[in-house]
């Protein structure tokens, strides 16, 4: 039978994932193994949408960074909540582990199997259910691609409240499940505030319909918050209700050069004070980031020769008003010496945004990347980069820092020619200990996934971790949903 041949062929990759898992000290839990009868059941409930071909499964078993790999032998592509419910009800009874997967753009190993978990993909759950032009509330299935949603909304005069570098492939359900931050958080806040309701299927297949379209609902516990940021460990998000802002009529972008990080901070303080309500993004990057973007992606920056760069976006409803405010800020920044060079784009803003959005892509061309996503008091943001460089010296090929000034989010990236366990030991737990010393968070927006779950104690007290484990045990008593992720193992 087709299922048997596929299962046999896929088993050849099992040793490869064992090496990956052993690196992190993880052993496979006693879940059932997928059988031919399991495959036959799933083919009955979603015919033509059950994948067992090892070649087809390969890209879904490897994360975007190609840093972690699983060996799932089976992927399901449901189209409806009912199909998700049927699949999970069966998996729960059979004790089959499940790996929910959206666009597979995660950066902490949370979106791919660790061993042979069944991949439950939302790729075909891509229907827009409704949009209310008066309230700006969008209801859609979890598999809708973020960029496609934004394009749909722009036609209606609205935009999505979040924007990510991975927008062309990430799913809104995955965004919510990881509480993705991104480039618009400064202006529109986090998903914990903009998501109004969720439809979720629990581990045992029961459906929780909290798909509210109300901005105010104060009736009991806010259950949706449990699933926002839970990384698929408590339930599978199947639909989302989200509040969308109106599309701004005037958008301006400035790209500025600064001579020190102290000047970067002063520039941010000044722009926040002078631009006020029209400030929608404030990003920074160091010169090494720009060097790698230019070298690997052939993108040219219009501003060169500075140790640091700041990208500032304004969004508003009156172009004359906004341009006057931006010009006043720029004049102040230049005359006071905060900024030594700069340019403004009012038309083709994609070119300037690509310098920031494609940094992650450029770094992957430079070798193996150790990625860290840290929240810190903004005045300490770049000190971690400096101290990491001092600690690692020549053992790292490149060390860069960039991120979101507006919410104190640093992306620290360390490149090497290839993976080195000794280099990882030099980085971890040093980076997390440093972050904890200044009361930061070891994950600002990427989540914990597979790679960082064992370091949660650097950001959360034991009591909080224990309570999270109790929630997990209550909602998923067999621990079949995205096992080995997010939470440290219970003692």
Protein backbone atom coordinates (compact mmCIF):
# COMPACT_ATOMS: atom_id res chain seq x y z
CA UNK A 1 0.00 0.00 0.00
CA UNK A 2 1.08 3.58 -0.66
CA UNK A 3 1.08 4.42 3.08
CA UNK A 4 3.39 1.51 3.95
CA UNK A 5 5.95 2.41 1.27
CA UNK A 6 5.96 6.03 2.40
CA UNK A 7 6.38 5.16 6.06
CA UNK A 8 9.25 2.79 5.29
CA UNK A 9 11.05 5.33 3.10
CA UNK A 10 10.71 8.12 5.66
CA UNK A 11 12.31 6.00 8.39
CA UNK A 12 15.74 6.47 6.82
CA UNK A 13 15.86 10.04 8.18
CA UNK A 14 15.19 8.99 11.78
CA UNK A 15 18.87 8.84 12.75
CA UNK A 16 19.35 12.39 11.50
CA UNK A 17 16.66 13.79 13.80
CA UNK A 18 17.99 11.75 16.71
CA UNK A 19 21.30 13.58 16.39
CA UNK A 20 19.47 16.90 16.42
CA UNK A 21 17.41 15.87 19.44
CA UNK A 22 20.36 14.48 21.37
CA UNK A 23 22.13 17.80 20.91
CA UNK A 24 19.40 19.31 23.06
CA UNK A 25 19.09 16.31 25.42
CA UNK A 26 15.57 15.37 24.28
CA UNK A 27 14.21 11.83 24.18
CA UNK A 28 11.11 10.75 22.28
CA UNK A 29 8.07 10.44 24.55
CA UNK A 30 6.03 7.21 24.45
CA UNK A 31 3.58 8.29 21.78
CA UNK A 32 2.15 5.78 19.33
CA UNK A 33 3.73 5.38 15.91
CA UNK A 34 1.71 6.13 12.79
CA UNK A 35 0.32 2.97 11.21
CA UNK A 36 -1.20 2.18 7.84
CA UNK A 37 -4.65 2.08 9.47
CA UNK A 38 -4.07 5.61 10.80
CA UNK A 39 -3.23 6.83 7.31
CA UNK A 40 -6.34 5.11 5.95
CA UNK A 41 -8.53 6.84 8.55
CA UNK A 42 -7.18 10.29 7.73
CA UNK A 43 -7.60 9.66 4.00
CA UNK A 44 -11.27 8.90 4.64
CA UNK A 45 -11.92 12.20 6.43
CA UNK A 46 -9.80 14.41 4.13
CA UNK A 47 -9.29 12.53 0.84
CA UNK A 48 -6.40 13.74 -1.29
CA UNK A 49 -5.06 15.91 1.50
CA UNK A 50 -2.97 13.36 3.40
CA UNK A 51 0.73 13.54 2.54
CA UNK A 52 3.01 10.54 3.11
CA UNK A 53 5.55 11.00 0.30
CA UNK A 54 8.95 11.62 1.96
CA UNK A 55 10.04 14.08 -0.76
CA UNK A 56 6.88 16.14 -0.33
CA UNK A 57 7.34 16.10 3.45
CA UNK A 58 10.96 17.26 3.43
CA UNK A 59 10.38 21.04 3.43
CA UNK A 60 7.81 20.74 6.22
CA UNK A 61 10.21 18.79 8.43
CA UNK A 62 12.87 21.52 8.34
CA UNK A 63 12.59 25.02 9.82
CA UNK A 64 13.18 28.18 7.79
CA UNK A 65 16.69 28.60 9.21
CA UNK A 66 17.51 24.94 8.43
CA UNK A 67 18.72 24.62 12.00
CA UNK A 68 16.32 21.95 13.31
CA UNK A 69 14.85 18.93 11.57
CA UNK A 70 12.12 16.42 12.29
CA UNK A 71 11.15 13.19 10.57
CA UNK A 72 7.36 13.29 10.34
CA UNK A 73 5.99 10.61 8.07
CA UNK A 74 2.54 12.14 7.72
CA UNK A 75 1.05 15.58 7.05
CA UNK A 76 -2.63 16.45 7.16
CA UNK A 77 -4.17 19.40 5.30
CA UNK A 78 -7.62 20.05 6.77
CA UNK A 79 -9.88 22.73 5.30
CA UNK A 80 -12.39 23.15 8.11
CA UNK A 81 -12.64 23.21 11.88
CA UNK A 82 -14.68 20.00 11.71
CA UNK A 83 -11.81 18.19 9.99
CA UNK A 84 -9.32 19.47 12.56
CA UNK A 85 -11.66 18.26 15.31
CA UNK A 86 -11.99 14.81 13.75
CA UNK A 87 -8.24 14.50 13.30
CA UNK A 88 -7.37 15.58 16.84
CA UNK A 89 -10.09 13.43 18.40
CA UNK A 90 -8.57 10.43 16.64
CA UNK A 91 -4.99 11.38 17.56
CA UNK A 92 -6.00 11.85 21.19
CA UNK A 93 -7.54 8.38 21.36
CA UNK A 94 -4.56 6.80 19.58
CA UNK A 95 -1.97 8.81 21.56
CA UNK A 96 -0.46 10.23 18.38
CA UNK A 97 1.59 13.42 18.75
CA UNK A 98 0.67 16.38 16.54
CA UNK A 99 2.73 19.31 15.31
CA UNK A 100 0.49 22.25 14.26
CA UNK A 101 2.16 24.17 11.43
CA UNK A 102 1.34 27.41 9.65
CA UNK A 103 3.77 29.03 7.22
CA UNK A 104 6.79 27.46 8.95
CA UNK A 105 8.57 30.81 9.32
CA UNK A 106 9.37 30.45 13.02
CA UNK A 107 12.90 31.09 14.26
CA UNK A 108 13.06 28.99 17.45
CA UNK A 109 12.25 25.52 16.16
CA UNK A 110 8.62 25.59 17.26
CA UNK A 111 7.00 24.96 13.87
CA UNK A 112 8.56 21.62 12.85
CA UNK A 113 8.47 18.16 14.41
CA UNK A 114 11.21 17.06 16.75
CA UNK A 115 10.67 13.36 16.06
CA UNK A 116 7.84 11.82 14.03
CA UNK A 117 4.88 13.96 15.12
CA UNK A 118 2.03 14.26 12.60
CA UNK A 119 2.17 17.65 10.89
CA UNK A 120 -1.22 19.36 10.92
CA UNK A 121 -0.92 22.13 8.35
CA UNK A 122 -3.32 25.07 8.08
CA UNK A 123 -2.21 25.84 4.52
CA UNK A 124 -5.67 25.12 3.04
CA UNK A 125 -7.57 26.96 5.80
CA UNK A 126 -7.23 30.25 3.96
CA UNK A 127 -10.75 31.62 3.69
CA UNK A 128 -11.76 35.15 4.69
CA UNK A 129 -15.03 34.70 6.59
CA UNK A 130 -16.16 38.31 6.96
CA UNK A 131 -15.03 41.92 7.15
CA UNK A 132 -16.99 44.79 8.68
CA UNK A 133 -16.04 48.12 7.08
CA UNK A 134 -17.66 50.09 9.88
CA UNK A 135 -15.85 48.46 12.81
CA UNK A 136 -12.76 47.30 10.90
CA UNK A 137 -13.12 43.77 12.28
CA UNK A 138 -11.80 40.94 10.11
CA UNK A 139 -12.73 37.29 10.68
CA UNK A 140 -10.70 34.70 8.79
CA UNK A 141 -9.37 31.17 8.92
CA UNK A 142 -5.98 30.57 10.51
CA UNK A 143 -4.18 29.66 7.30
CA UNK A 144 -4.61 33.05 5.62
CA UNK A 145 -1.24 34.50 4.61
CA UNK A 146 -0.52 37.82 6.31
CA UNK A 147 0.41 39.65 3.09
CA UNK A 148 -2.73 38.42 1.31
CA UNK A 149 -4.87 39.65 4.19
CA UNK A 150 -3.18 43.04 4.03
CA UNK A 151 -3.77 43.27 0.25
CA UNK A 152 -7.45 42.41 0.74
CA UNK A 153 -7.82 45.00 3.48
CA UNK A 154 -6.06 47.74 1.52
CA UNK A 155 -8.75 47.43 -1.13
CA UNK A 156 -11.26 48.16 1.64
CA UNK A 157 -9.21 51.12 2.98
CA UNK A 158 -7.74 49.22 5.96
CA UNK A 159 -4.52 47.39 6.88
CA UNK A 160 -3.47 44.56 9.17
CA UNK A 161 -2.23 45.77 12.58
CA UNK A 162 0.98 43.74 12.22
CA UNK A 163 3.70 43.61 9.59
CA UNK A 164 6.56 41.10 9.48
CA UNK A 165 9.48 40.35 7.21
CA UNK A 166 7.92 36.90 6.65
CA UNK A 167 4.54 38.36 5.64
CA UNK A 168 4.64 36.68 2.22
CA UNK A 169 4.45 33.19 3.73
CA UNK A 170 3.49 33.36 7.43
CA UNK A 171 -0.08 32.50 8.46
CA UNK A 172 -2.23 34.65 10.72
CA UNK A 173 -2.93 31.63 12.95
CA UNK A 174 0.79 31.11 13.44
CA UNK A 175 1.24 34.82 14.08
CA UNK A 176 -1.34 34.64 16.85
CA UNK A 177 -0.03 31.34 18.23
CA UNK A 178 3.42 32.91 18.63
CA UNK A 179 2.16 36.41 19.54
CA UNK A 180 4.29 37.81 16.71
CA UNK A 181 5.45 41.39 17.19
CA UNK A 182 6.95 42.96 14.09
CA UNK A 183 7.24 46.40 12.61
CA UNK A 184 3.88 47.99 13.49
CA UNK A 185 3.77 47.17 17.19
CA UNK A 186 4.90 50.69 18.16
CA UNK A 187 1.79 52.14 16.54
CA UNK A 188 -0.89 49.47 16.88
CA UNK A 189 0.20 47.41 19.87
CA UNK A 190 0.54 43.65 20.25
CA UNK A 191 -1.77 40.90 19.09
CA UNK A 192 -2.94 40.50 22.68
CA UNK A 193 -4.78 43.78 22.19
CA UNK A 194 -5.87 43.57 18.55
CA UNK A 195 -7.12 39.96 18.49
CA UNK A 196 -10.77 40.07 19.57
CA UNK A 197 -11.62 36.39 19.38
CA UNK A 198 -10.38 32.93 18.45
CA UNK A 199 -11.76 29.61 17.32
CA UNK A 200 -9.62 26.82 18.76
CA UNK A 201 -9.69 23.03 18.66
CA UNK A 202 -8.40 21.42 21.84
CA UNK A 203 -6.26 18.30 22.12
CA UNK A 204 -9.23 15.95 22.53
CA UNK A 205 -10.94 17.36 19.42
CA UNK A 206 -13.48 19.54 21.22
CA UNK A 207 -13.98 22.98 19.68
CA UNK A 208 -13.87 26.25 21.60
CA UNK A 209 -15.74 28.96 19.72
CA UNK A 210 -14.72 32.32 21.18
CA UNK A 211 -14.72 34.02 17.80
CA UNK A 212 -16.15 37.25 19.14
CA UNK A 213 -16.44 40.36 16.99
CA UNK A 214 -16.83 42.76 19.89
CA UNK A 215 -14.25 45.22 21.13
CA UNK A 216 -15.69 45.06 24.63
CA UNK A 217 -16.66 41.80 26.29
CA UNK A 218 -16.15 41.61 30.05
CA UNK A 219 -17.86 38.30 30.75
CA UNK A 220 -15.52 36.14 32.80
CA UNK A 221 -12.00 35.01 31.99
CA UNK A 222 -10.50 36.12 28.68
CA UNK A 223 -9.82 32.61 27.40
CA UNK A 224 -8.35 33.67 24.07
CA UNK A 225 -5.29 35.05 25.88
CA UNK A 226 -4.35 31.51 26.90
CA UNK A 227 -3.85 30.58 23.25
CA UNK A 228 -2.16 33.78 22.06
CA UNK A 229 1.54 33.01 22.39
CA UNK A 230 1.00 29.36 23.41
CA UNK A 231 2.81 28.13 20.27
CA UNK A 232 0.30 25.40 19.51
CA UNK A 233 0.82 23.59 22.82
CA UNK A 234 -2.67 24.21 24.24
CA UNK A 235 -4.86 24.04 21.15
CA UNK A 236 -4.94 24.50 17.39
CA UNK A 237 -6.15 27.93 16.30
CA UNK A 238 -8.52 27.52 13.34
CA UNK A 239 -9.96 31.05 12.96
CA UNK A 240 -9.21 34.57 14.14
CA UNK A 241 -11.19 37.75 14.72
CA UNK A 242 -8.92 40.79 14.61
CA UNK A 243 -9.34 44.56 14.78
CA UNK A 244 -7.79 46.30 11.77
CA UNK A 245 -6.83 50.00 11.58
CA UNK A 246 -7.72 52.22 8.66
CA UNK A 247 -5.09 52.53 5.95
CA UNK A 248 -3.11 55.73 6.50
CA UNK A 249 -3.41 58.26 3.69
CA UNK A 250 0.08 59.68 4.18
CA UNK A 251 3.16 57.54 4.85
CA UNK A 252 6.69 58.93 5.01
CA UNK A 253 9.98 57.16 5.61
CA UNK A 254 13.33 58.54 6.75
CA UNK A 255 16.62 56.62 6.80
CA UNK A 256 19.23 58.25 9.00
CA UNK A 257 22.86 57.72 9.97
CA UNK A 258 24.12 58.14 13.54
CA UNK A 259 27.67 58.12 14.90
CA UNK A 260 26.97 56.25 18.15
CA UNK A 261 24.24 54.26 19.85
CA UNK A 262 23.87 57.11 22.34
CA UNK A 263 22.93 59.31 19.36
CA UNK A 264 20.49 56.60 18.21
CA UNK A 265 18.73 56.76 21.57
CA UNK A 266 18.61 60.57 21.52
CA UNK A 267 17.23 60.45 17.99
CA UNK A 268 14.48 58.08 19.13
CA UNK A 269 13.62 60.26 22.13
CA UNK A 270 13.48 63.34 19.91
CA UNK A 271 11.38 61.75 17.17
CA UNK A 272 8.93 60.32 19.68
CA UNK A 273 8.48 63.77 21.23
CA UNK A 274 8.24 65.69 17.96
CA UNK A 275 6.31 63.22 15.78
CA UNK A 276 3.90 62.05 18.46
CA UNK A 277 0.78 60.40 17.10
CA UNK A 278 2.08 59.94 13.54
CA UNK A 279 5.16 57.90 14.53
CA UNK A 280 4.46 54.34 13.34
CA UNK A 281 7.88 52.65 13.34
CA UNK A 282 11.37 53.28 14.66
CA UNK A 283 13.98 50.66 13.77
CA UNK A 284 17.75 50.57 14.17
CA UNK A 285 20.58 48.52 12.69
CA UNK A 286 24.35 48.60 12.97
CA UNK A 287 26.79 49.08 10.09
CA UNK A 288 27.66 45.37 9.97
CA UNK A 289 24.00 44.60 9.14
CA UNK A 290 24.11 47.00 6.20
CA UNK A 291 27.41 45.56 5.03
CA UNK A 292 25.96 42.03 4.94
CA UNK A 293 22.73 43.14 3.23
CA UNK A 294 24.77 44.83 0.52
CA UNK A 295 27.23 41.94 0.13
CA UNK A 296 24.76 39.05 0.06
CA UNK A 297 21.58 40.62 -1.36
CA UNK A 298 23.14 43.35 -3.52
CA UNK A 299 20.96 46.03 -1.92
CA UNK A 300 22.49 49.50 -1.78
CA UNK A 301 21.83 51.87 1.09
CA UNK A 302 21.34 55.54 0.16
CA UNK A 303 23.07 56.47 3.41
CA UNK A 304 26.56 55.12 4.11
CA UNK A 305 29.55 55.65 6.37
CA UNK A 306 27.76 55.58 9.74
CA UNK A 307 28.19 53.08 12.61
CA UNK A 308 24.40 53.00 13.13
CA UNK A 309 21.27 53.60 11.09
CA UNK A 310 17.73 54.50 12.12
CA UNK A 311 14.61 53.97 10.01
CA UNK A 312 11.63 56.12 10.98
CA UNK A 313 8.14 55.81 9.53
CA UNK A 314 5.23 58.19 9.97
CA UNK A 315 1.61 57.35 9.14
CA UNK A 316 -1.26 59.78 9.19
CA UNK A 317 -4.25 61.25 7.41
CA UNK A 318 -2.85 64.62 6.29
CA UNK A 319 0.27 64.61 4.10
CA UNK A 320 0.99 68.33 4.52
CA UNK A 321 0.73 68.14 8.30
CA UNK A 322 2.86 64.98 8.49
CA UNK A 323 5.59 66.27 6.18
CA UNK A 324 5.84 69.48 8.19
CA UNK A 325 6.27 67.54 11.43
CA UNK A 326 8.83 65.18 9.86
CA UNK A 327 10.82 68.04 8.33
CA UNK A 328 10.88 69.86 11.66
CA UNK A 329 12.20 66.76 13.36
CA UNK A 330 14.85 66.19 10.70
CA UNK A 331 16.00 69.80 10.92
CA UNK A 332 16.30 69.48 14.69
CA UNK A 333 18.15 66.16 14.41
CA UNK A 334 20.64 67.50 11.87
CA UNK A 335 21.36 70.86 13.49
CA UNK A 336 21.82 69.28 16.93
CA UNK A 337 24.27 66.69 15.59
CA UNK A 338 22.11 63.67 16.40
CA UNK A 339 22.10 62.64 12.75
CA UNK A 340 25.01 63.07 10.35
CA UNK A 341 23.31 61.96 7.13
CA UNK A 342 19.90 60.89 5.94
CA UNK A 343 17.33 60.55 3.20
CA UNK A 344 13.54 60.69 2.97
CA UNK A 345 11.36 58.53 0.73
CA UNK A 346 7.74 59.44 0.16
CA UNK A 347 7.15 57.36 -2.99
CA UNK A 348 8.99 54.04 -3.31
CA UNK A 349 9.29 53.19 0.36
CA UNK A 350 9.77 49.46 -0.27
CA UNK A 351 13.43 50.02 -1.14
CA UNK A 352 14.22 51.51 2.26
CA UNK A 353 12.09 49.00 4.14
CA UNK A 354 13.85 46.13 2.40
CA UNK A 355 17.15 47.25 3.97
CA UNK A 356 15.63 46.46 7.35
CA UNK A 357 13.23 43.62 6.55
CA UNK A 358 15.77 41.50 4.66
CA UNK A 359 18.53 41.55 7.26
CA UNK A 360 17.51 38.10 8.52
CA UNK A 361 17.70 36.75 4.98
CA UNK A 362 21.15 38.30 4.42
CA UNK A 363 22.52 36.74 7.60
CA UNK A 364 21.58 33.23 6.47
CA UNK A 365 23.96 33.68 3.53
CA UNK A 366 26.84 34.42 5.88
CA UNK A 367 27.00 31.00 7.55
CA UNK A 368 25.33 29.32 10.51
CA UNK A 369 23.31 31.84 12.54
CA UNK A 370 22.75 31.80 16.31
CA UNK A 371 19.68 34.03 16.75
CA UNK A 372 18.61 35.83 19.93
CA UNK A 373 15.47 37.91 20.32
CA UNK A 374 15.73 39.96 23.51
CA UNK A 375 13.69 42.64 25.29
CA UNK A 376 15.73 45.08 27.36
CA UNK A 377 15.50 48.57 28.83
CA UNK A 378 16.14 50.63 25.72
CA UNK A 379 19.27 52.30 27.13
CA UNK A 380 20.91 48.85 27.53
CA UNK A 381 19.86 47.55 24.12
CA UNK A 382 23.21 47.61 22.30
CA UNK A 383 25.40 46.88 25.33
CA UNK A 384 24.58 43.20 24.93
CA UNK A 385 26.00 43.26 21.39
CA UNK A 386 29.19 44.95 22.59
CA UNK A 387 29.65 42.56 25.51
CA UNK A 388 28.99 39.51 23.33
CA UNK A 389 31.64 40.65 20.85
CA UNK A 390 34.11 41.07 23.70
CA UNK A 391 33.30 37.61 25.05
CA UNK A 392 33.46 35.68 21.77
CA UNK A 393 36.29 37.55 20.05
CA UNK A 394 37.48 35.78 16.90
CA UNK A 395 35.50 32.60 17.57
CA UNK A 396 32.51 34.18 15.77
CA UNK A 397 32.59 35.29 12.15
CA UNK A 398 30.22 38.24 12.61
CA UNK A 399 28.08 39.61 15.45
CA UNK A 400 25.34 42.10 14.60
CA UNK A 401 22.55 43.93 16.39
CA UNK A 402 19.33 45.42 15.04
CA UNK A 403 15.73 45.69 16.10
CA UNK A 404 12.75 47.69 17.25
CA UNK A 405 13.72 50.81 19.21
CA UNK A 406 10.09 51.63 19.89
CA UNK A 407 9.55 48.56 22.08
CA UNK A 408 13.08 47.78 23.31
CA UNK A 409 13.49 44.65 21.18
CA UNK A 410 17.03 43.66 20.17
CA UNK A 411 17.83 41.01 17.56
CA UNK A 412 21.31 39.74 18.40
CA UNK A 413 22.74 37.50 15.67
CA UNK A 414 26.00 35.60 15.81
CA UNK A 415 27.38 34.03 12.64
CA UNK A 416 29.92 31.24 12.24
CA UNK A 417 31.11 29.21 9.27
CA UNK A 418 29.24 26.19 10.66
CA UNK A 419 27.55 24.97 13.82
CA UNK A 420 29.89 24.60 16.79
CA UNK A 421 28.84 23.15 20.12
CA UNK A 422 31.71 24.92 21.88
CA UNK A 423 30.59 28.26 20.43
CA UNK A 424 27.02 27.59 21.55
CA UNK A 425 28.33 26.85 25.05
CA UNK A 426 30.12 30.21 25.02
CA UNK A 427 26.91 32.01 24.00
CA UNK A 428 24.42 30.18 26.20
CA UNK A 429 23.56 30.76 28.95
CA UNK A 430 25.75 33.94 28.87
CA UNK A 431 23.23 35.86 26.72
CA UNK A 432 20.32 34.81 28.95
CA UNK A 433 22.17 35.54 32.19
CA UNK A 434 23.11 38.99 30.86
CA UNK A 435 19.49 39.64 29.88
CA UNK A 436 18.16 38.51 33.26
CA UNK A 437 20.66 40.77 35.06
CA UNK A 438 18.92 43.80 33.50
CA UNK A 439 15.38 42.44 33.98
CA UNK A 440 14.90 41.72 30.30
CA UNK A 441 13.08 38.94 28.47
CA UNK A 442 14.92 36.15 26.65
CA UNK A 443 12.21 36.17 23.98
CA UNK A 444 10.67 39.45 22.90
CA UNK A 445 8.62 38.22 19.94
CA UNK A 446 9.87 34.90 18.55
CA UNK A 447 8.61 32.67 21.36
CA UNK A 448 10.50 29.81 23.03
CA UNK A 449 9.79 26.92 20.69
CA UNK A 450 12.20 23.99 20.86
CA UNK A 451 15.46 25.89 21.21
CA UNK A 452 14.77 28.12 24.20
CA UNK A 453 12.23 26.35 26.39
CA UNK A 454 14.90 25.19 28.87
CA UNK A 455 15.88 28.83 29.54
CA UNK A 456 12.42 30.08 30.54
CA UNK A 457 13.52 30.49 34.18
CA UNK A 458 15.65 33.47 33.17
CA UNK A 459 12.45 35.40 32.45
CA UNK A 460 9.77 33.72 34.56
CA UNK A 461 9.68 32.69 38.24
CA UNK A 462 9.23 29.02 39.10
CA UNK A 463 5.68 29.66 40.29
CA UNK A 464 4.70 31.03 36.87
CA UNK A 465 6.30 28.09 35.04
CA UNK A 466 4.51 25.64 37.33
CA UNK A 467 1.15 27.32 36.67
CA UNK A 468 1.75 27.15 32.91
CA UNK A 469 2.51 23.44 33.23
CA UNK A 470 -0.78 22.98 35.08
CA UNK A 471 -2.67 24.72 32.27
CA UNK A 472 -0.95 22.42 29.77
CA UNK A 473 -1.84 19.32 31.82
CA UNK A 474 -5.48 20.43 32.07
CA UNK A 475 -6.00 21.26 28.38
CA UNK A 476 -3.74 18.57 26.93
CA UNK A 477 -3.42 15.79 29.53
CA UNK A 478 -1.70 13.40 27.09
CA UNK A 479 0.68 16.19 25.94
CA UNK A 480 0.12 15.35 22.27
CA UNK A 481 0.09 18.98 21.03
CA UNK A 482 3.47 20.27 19.85
CA UNK A 483 5.44 18.22 22.39
CA UNK A 484 9.00 19.16 23.40
CA UNK A 485 8.19 22.86 22.85
CA UNK A 486 7.69 26.07 24.85
CA UNK A 487 7.55 24.69 28.41
CA UNK A 488 10.40 23.00 30.28
CA UNK A 489 9.68 19.39 31.16
CA UNK A 490 7.75 18.85 34.38
CA UNK A 491 9.90 17.45 37.18
